[in-house]
C-alpha atoms as a PDB file:
ATOM      1  CA  MET A   1      18.305  -4.717 -25.173  1.00  0.00           C
ATOM      2  CA  LYS A   2      15.808  -4.170 -27.914  1.00  0.00           C
ATOM      3  CA  LYS A   3      12.974  -1.723 -27.491  1.00  0.00           C
ATOM      4  CA  ASN A   4      10.338  -4.515 -27.555  1.00  0.00           C
ATOM      5  CA  THR A   5      12.159  -6.381 -24.789  1.00  0.00           C
ATOM      6  CA  LEU A   6      12.199  -3.245 -22.630  1.00  0.00           C
ATOM      7  CA  ILE A   7       8.479  -2.720 -23.199  1.00  0.00           C
ATOM      8  CA  LEU A   8       7.794  -6.356 -22.299  1.00  0.00           C
ATOM      9  CA  LEU A   9       9.871  -6.059 -19.122  1.00  0.00           C
ATOM     10  CA  GLY A  10       7.971  -2.896 -18.219  1.00  0.00           C
ATOM     11  CA  CYS A  11       4.647  -4.685 -18.718  1.00  0.00           C
ATOM     12  CA  LEU A  12       5.764  -7.675 -16.658  1.00  0.00           C
ATOM     13  CA  THR A  13       6.918  -5.399 -13.852  1.00  0.00           C
ATOM     14  CA  SER A  14       3.600  -3.571 -13.954  1.00  0.00           C
ATOM     15  CA  CYS A  15       1.631  -6.858 -13.931  1.00  0.00           C
ATOM     16  CA  PHE A  16       3.717  -8.144 -11.014  1.00  0.00           C
ATOM     17  CA  SER A  17       3.015  -4.938  -9.104  1.00  0.00           C
ATOM     18  CA  VAL A  18      -0.727  -5.320  -9.739  1.00  0.00           C
ATOM     19  CA  LEU A  19      -0.598  -8.968  -8.650  1.00  0.00           C
ATOM     20  CA  GLN A  20       1.194  -8.073  -5.422  1.00  0.00           C
ATOM     21  CA  GLY A  21      -1.200  -5.186  -4.804  1.00  0.00           C
ATOM     22  CA  SER A  22      -4.232  -7.413  -5.237  1.00  0.00           C
ATOM     23  CA  GLN A  23      -2.603  -9.996  -2.942  1.00  0.00           C
ATOM     24  CA  LEU A  24      -2.205  -7.266  -0.331  1.00  0.00           C
ATOM     25  CA  ILE A  25      -5.909  -6.442  -0.571  1.00  0.00           C
ATOM     26  CA  ARG A  26      -6.785 -10.146  -0.332  1.00  0.00           C
ATOM     27  CA  ALA A  27      -4.551 -10.483   2.744  1.00  0.00           C
ATOM     28  CA  ALA A  28      -6.377  -7.536   4.347  1.00  0.00           C
ATOM     29  CA  VAL A  29      -9.760  -9.104   3.630  1.00  0.00           C
ATOM     30  CA  TYR A  30      -8.731 -12.395   5.246  1.00  0.00           C
ATOM     31  CA  SER A  31      -6.771 -10.814   8.150  1.00  0.00           C
ATOM     32  CA  LYS A  32      -3.480 -12.465   7.160  1.00  0.00           C
ATOM     33  CA  LEU A  33      -1.065 -10.303   9.160  1.00  0.00           C
ATOM     34  CA  GLU A  34       2.051 -12.314   8.282  1.00  0.00           C
ATOM     35  CA  THR A  35       1.230 -12.145   4.572  1.00  0.00           C
ATOM     36  CA  ILE A  36       0.585  -8.406   4.863  1.00  0.00           C
ATOM     37  CA  GLN A  37       3.954  -7.889   6.546  1.00  0.00           C
ATOM     38  CA  VAL A  38       5.786  -9.950   3.907  1.00  0.00           C
ATOM     39  CA  LEU A  39       4.099  -8.086   1.051  1.00  0.00           C
ATOM     40  CA  ILE A  40       4.767  -4.707   2.647  1.00  0.00           C
ATOM     41  CA  THR A  41       8.472  -5.481   3.055  1.00  0.00           C
ATOM     42  CA  SER A  42       8.754  -6.872  -0.492  1.00  0.00           C
ATOM     43  CA  SER A  43       8.153  -3.442  -2.016  1.00  0.00           C
ATOM     44  CA  THR A  44       4.496  -4.029  -2.756  1.00  0.00           C
ATOM     45  CA  THR A  45       2.732  -0.791  -3.560  1.00  0.00           C
ATOM     46  CA  ILE A  46       1.078  -0.073  -0.220  1.00  0.00           C
ATOM     47  CA  ASN A  47      -1.473   2.254  -1.843  1.00  0.00           C
ATOM     48  CA  PHE A  48      -2.461  -0.086  -4.687  1.00  0.00           C
ATOM     49  CA  GLN A  49      -6.139   0.387  -5.571  1.00  0.00           C
ATOM     50  CA  ASP A  50      -8.452  -2.191  -7.145  1.00  0.00           C
ATOM     51  CA  GLU A  51     -10.985  -1.459  -9.905  1.00  0.00           C
ATOM     52  CA  ALA A  52     -13.292   0.264  -7.400  1.00  0.00           C
ATOM     53  CA  GLY A  53     -10.422   2.349  -6.089  1.00  0.00           C
ATOM     54  CA  CYS A  54     -10.235   0.484  -2.765  1.00  0.00           C
ATOM     55  CA  SER A  55      -6.854   0.065  -1.130  1.00  0.00           C
ATOM     56  CA  ALA A  56      -5.858  -2.657   1.320  1.00  0.00           C
ATOM     57  CA  LEU A  57      -6.238  -0.142   4.169  1.00  0.00           C
ATOM     58  CA  MET A  58      -9.799   0.634   3.054  1.00  0.00           C
ATOM     59  CA  MET A  59     -10.635  -3.070   2.788  1.00  0.00           C
ATOM     60  CA  ALA A  60      -9.299  -3.687   6.298  1.00  0.00           C
ATOM     61  CA  VAL A  61     -11.668  -0.987   7.585  1.00  0.00           C
ATOM     62  CA  ILE A  62     -14.642  -2.103   5.473  1.00  0.00           C
ATOM     63  CA  MET A  63     -14.239  -5.700   6.631  1.00  0.00           C
ATOM     64  CA  HIS A  64     -13.925  -4.693  10.333  1.00  0.00           C
ATOM     65  CA  ARG A  65     -10.462  -6.234  10.628  1.00  0.00           C
ATOM     66  CA  PRO A  66      -8.620  -6.156  13.979  1.00  0.00           C
ATOM     67  CA  ALA A  67      -6.613  -3.119  15.001  1.00  0.00           C
ATOM     68  CA  ASN A  68      -3.258  -4.856  14.417  1.00  0.00           C
ATOM     69  CA  ILE A  69      -4.125  -5.328  10.716  1.00  0.00           C
ATOM     70  CA  LEU A  70      -5.038  -1.671  10.330  1.00  0.00           C
ATOM     71  CA  GLN A  71      -1.944  -0.613  12.285  1.00  0.00           C
ATOM     72  CA  ALA A  72       0.314  -2.631   9.962  1.00  0.00           C
ATOM     73  CA  PHE A  73      -0.850  -0.490   7.035  1.00  0.00           C
ATOM     74  CA  ILE A  74      -0.567   2.744   9.008  1.00  0.00           C
ATOM     75  CA  ASP A  75       2.958   1.809  10.164  1.00  0.00           C
ATOM     76  CA  ALA A  76       3.889   1.098   6.526  1.00  0.00           C
ATOM     77  CA  HIS A  77       2.785   4.651   5.675  1.00  0.00           C
ATOM     78  CA  ALA A  78      -0.348   3.764   3.743  1.00  0.00           C
ATOM     79  CA  ASP A  79      -2.040   6.955   2.572  1.00  0.00           C
ATOM     80  CA  VAL A  80      -4.880   7.428   5.067  1.00  0.00           C
ATOM     81  CA  ASN A  81      -6.355  10.144   2.854  1.00  0.00           C
ATOM     82  CA  LEU A  82      -6.480   8.002  -0.294  1.00  0.00           C
ATOM     83  CA  GLN A  83      -9.910   8.176  -1.926  1.00  0.00           C
ATOM     84  CA  ASP A  84     -11.693   5.452  -3.885  1.00  0.00           C
ATOM     85  CA  ASN A  85     -13.823   5.880  -7.030  1.00  0.00           C
ATOM     86  CA  HIS A  86     -16.572   7.478  -4.918  1.00  0.00           C
ATOM     87  CA  ASP A  87     -14.050   9.718  -3.152  1.00  0.00           C
ATOM     88  CA  MET A  88     -14.505   7.736   0.078  1.00  0.00           C
ATOM     89  CA  THR A  89     -11.572   7.339   2.479  1.00  0.00           C
ATOM     90  CA  ALA A  90     -10.805   4.694   5.098  1.00  0.00           C
ATOM     91  CA  LEU A  91     -11.975   7.154   7.777  1.00  0.00           C
ATOM     92  CA  MET A  92     -15.290   7.616   5.990  1.00  0.00           C
ATOM     93  CA  TYR A  93     -15.817   3.854   5.831  1.00  0.00           C
ATOM     94  CA  ALA A  94     -14.981   3.550   9.531  1.00  0.00           C
ATOM     95  CA  ALA A  95     -17.469   6.337  10.330  1.00  0.00           C
ATOM     96  CA  CYS A  96     -20.181   4.573   8.317  1.00  0.00           C
ATOM     97  CA  ASN A  97     -19.688   1.121   9.764  1.00  0.00           C
ATOM     98  CA  GLY A  98     -19.244   2.101  13.388  1.00  0.00           C
ATOM     99  CA  ASN A  99     -15.745   0.806  13.981  1.00  0.00           C
ATOM    100  CA  ASP A 100     -14.666   3.327  16.584  1.00  0.00           C
ATOM    101  CA  SER A 101     -11.296   1.675  17.269  1.00  0.00           C
ATOM    102  CA  ASN A 102     -10.432   2.058  13.579  1.00  0.00           C
ATOM    103  CA  ILE A 103     -11.485   5.707  13.739  1.00  0.00           C
ATOM    104  CA  GLN A 104      -9.197   6.221  16.737  1.00  0.00           C
ATOM    105  CA  ALA A 105      -6.264   4.585  14.920  1.00  0.00           C
ATOM    106  CA  LEU A 106      -6.831   6.637  11.774  1.00  0.00           C
ATOM    107  CA  ILE A 107      -7.212  10.004  13.507  1.00  0.00           C
ATOM    108  CA  ALA A 108      -4.017   9.325  15.467  1.00  0.00           C
ATOM    109  CA  THR A 109      -2.178   9.438  12.138  1.00  0.00           C
ATOM    110  CA  PRO A 110      -0.640  12.927  11.812  1.00  0.00           C
ATOM    111  CA  SER A 111      -1.446  13.241   8.104  1.00  0.00           C
ATOM    112  CA  ILE A 112      -5.179  12.492   8.438  1.00  0.00           C
ATOM    113  CA  ASP A 113      -7.538  15.044   6.905  1.00  0.00           C
ATOM    114  CA  LEU A 114     -10.745  14.917   8.952  1.00  0.00           C
ATOM    115  CA  ASN A 115     -12.597  17.125   6.499  1.00  0.00           C
ATOM    116  CA  LEU A 116     -12.053  15.390   3.159  1.00  0.00           C
ATOM    117  CA  GLN A 117     -15.299  15.201   1.226  1.00  0.00           C
ATOM    118  CA  ASP A 118     -16.681  12.377  -0.873  1.00  0.00           C
ATOM    119  CA  ARG A 119     -18.484  12.689  -4.207  1.00  0.00           C
ATOM    120  CA  ASN A 120     -21.575  14.051  -2.404  1.00  0.00           C
ATOM    121  CA  GLY A 121     -19.552  16.483  -0.334  1.00  0.00           C
ATOM    122  CA  ASP A 122     -20.006  14.408   2.827  1.00  0.00           C
ATOM    123  CA  THR A 123     -17.213  14.161   5.379  1.00  0.00           C
ATOM    124  CA  ALA A 124     -16.562  11.318   7.812  1.00  0.00           C
ATOM    125  CA  LEU A 125     -18.482  13.315  10.436  1.00  0.00           C
ATOM    126  CA  MET A 126     -21.490  13.740   8.129  1.00  0.00           C
ATOM    127  CA  LEU A 127     -21.470  10.022   7.351  1.00  0.00           C
ATOM    128  CA  ALA A 128     -21.257   9.097  11.038  1.00  0.00           C
ATOM    129  CA  ILE A 129     -24.285  11.291  11.791  1.00  0.00           C
ATOM    130  CA  GLN A 130     -26.244  10.027   8.770  1.00  0.00           C
ATOM    131  CA  ASN A 131     -25.606   6.437   9.929  1.00  0.00           C
ATOM    132  CA  LEU A 132     -26.520   7.352  13.535  1.00  0.00           C
ATOM    133  CA  ASN A 133     -23.052   6.391  14.708  1.00  0.00           C
ATOM    134  CA  MET A 134     -22.953   8.899  17.526  1.00  0.00           C
ATOM    135  CA  PRO A 135     -19.831   7.566  19.306  1.00  0.00           C
ATOM    136  CA  ALA A 136     -17.936   8.032  16.010  1.00  0.00           C
ATOM    137  CA  ALA A 137     -19.421  11.512  15.613  1.00  0.00           C
ATOM    138  CA  LEU A 138     -18.204  12.470  19.077  1.00  0.00           C
ATOM    139  CA  ILE A 139     -14.728  11.106  18.399  1.00  0.00           C
ATOM    140  CA  LEU A 140     -14.528  13.079  15.142  1.00  0.00           C
ATOM    141  CA  ILE A 141     -15.833  16.292  16.714  1.00  0.00           C
ATOM    142  CA  ALA A 142     -13.340  15.967  19.581  1.00  0.00           C
ATOM    143  CA  ALA A 143     -10.564  15.454  17.018  1.00  0.00           C
ATOM    144  CA  GLY A 144     -11.474  18.707  15.288  1.00  0.00           C
ATOM    145  CA  ALA A 145     -13.794  17.753  12.419  1.00  0.00           C
ATOM    146  CA  ASP A 146     -15.547  20.815  10.987  1.00  0.00           C
ATOM    147  CA  ILE A 147     -19.201  20.825  12.102  1.00  0.00           C
ATOM    148  CA  TYR A 148     -20.077  23.634   9.696  1.00  0.00           C
ATOM    149  CA  LEU A 149     -18.605  22.249   6.446  1.00  0.00           C
ATOM    150  CA  GLN A 150     -21.460  21.882   3.945  1.00  0.00           C
ATOM    151  CA  ASN A 151     -22.021  18.994   1.562  1.00  0.00           C
ATOM    152  CA  ASN A 152     -23.360  19.300  -2.006  1.00  0.00           C
ATOM    153  CA  ALA A 153     -26.955  19.445  -0.710  1.00  0.00           C
ATOM    154  CA  GLY A 154     -26.106  22.368   1.593  1.00  0.00           C
ATOM    155  CA  ASP A 155     -26.312  20.333   4.783  1.00  0.00           C
ATOM    156  CA  CYS A 156     -23.660  20.435   7.477  1.00  0.00           C
ATOM    157  CA  PRO A 157     -23.121  18.273  10.563  1.00  0.00           C
ATOM    158  CA  ALA A 158     -24.381  21.000  12.905  1.00  0.00           C
ATOM    159  CA  ARG A 159     -27.642  21.301  10.960  1.00  0.00           C
ATOM    160  CA  LEU A 160     -28.100  17.518  10.802  1.00  0.00           C
ATOM    161  CA  LEU A 161     -27.557  17.204  14.527  1.00  0.00           C
ATOM    162  CA  MET A 162     -30.144  19.895  15.237  1.00  0.00           C
ATOM    163  CA  LYS A 163     -32.860  18.508  12.956  1.00  0.00           C
ATOM    164  CA  GLU A 164     -32.590  14.777  13.765  1.00  0.00           C
ATOM    165  CA  ASP A 165     -35.471  13.361  15.795  1.00  0.00           C
ATOM    166  CA  LYS A 166     -33.429  10.501  17.226  1.00  0.00           C
ATOM    167  CA  SER A 167     -32.804  10.827  20.954  1.00  0.00           C
ATOM    168  CA  LYS A 168     -29.123   9.843  20.589  1.00  0.00           C
ATOM    169  CA  THR A 169     -28.563  12.612  18.067  1.00  0.00           C
ATOM    170  CA  LYS A 170     -30.295  15.207  20.223  1.00  0.00           C
ATOM    171  CA  THR A 171     -28.089  14.216  23.160  1.00  0.00           C
ATOM    172  CA  ILE A 172     -24.982  14.689  20.997  1.00  0.00           C
ATOM    173  CA  ALA A 173     -26.300  18.017  19.699  1.00  0.00           C
ATOM    174  CA  ARG A 174     -26.805  19.300  23.250  1.00  0.00           C
ATOM    175  CA  GLY A 175     -23.204  18.318  24.057  1.00  0.00           C
ATOM    176  CA  VAL A 176     -21.809  20.089  20.983  1.00  0.00           C
ATOM    177  CA  PHE A 177     -23.793  23.318  21.055  1.00  0.00           C
END
């Protein structure tokens, strides 16, 4: 084969991979489990990221998709620690949006890093507290999230829990300290 033909084949393969990856994200958004399973088994890049850096796993969490959708990605070995363009992970999105069943599924994954930090240095625990998602905060603390890890502003979950005026947060703080 000529060099130009090889380059063209490489480009077509790359474009096909991008197309399949974007289809996987679309399937996650619309909760199409059968489509997800077909794409996963057809060698689609499970960790494909869109222009914002979101993967299909992240989109499933962001869109509050059912546990079986999320589990399909976890079972296919999607990278649960993959970070988007803002260094957010699926766990961080779950902590922000209050989807405790997604948090449970993600932390059950052996490779999960509970203490990854986003662009601001916030962890999933910090984001749960900032969004007053106290059930998520408790789940993350029980799973071993670091309550003393500081973000870029010098705050840590322990400090946030102690200074919050919200009654829910004070109840959590009393249970942690």
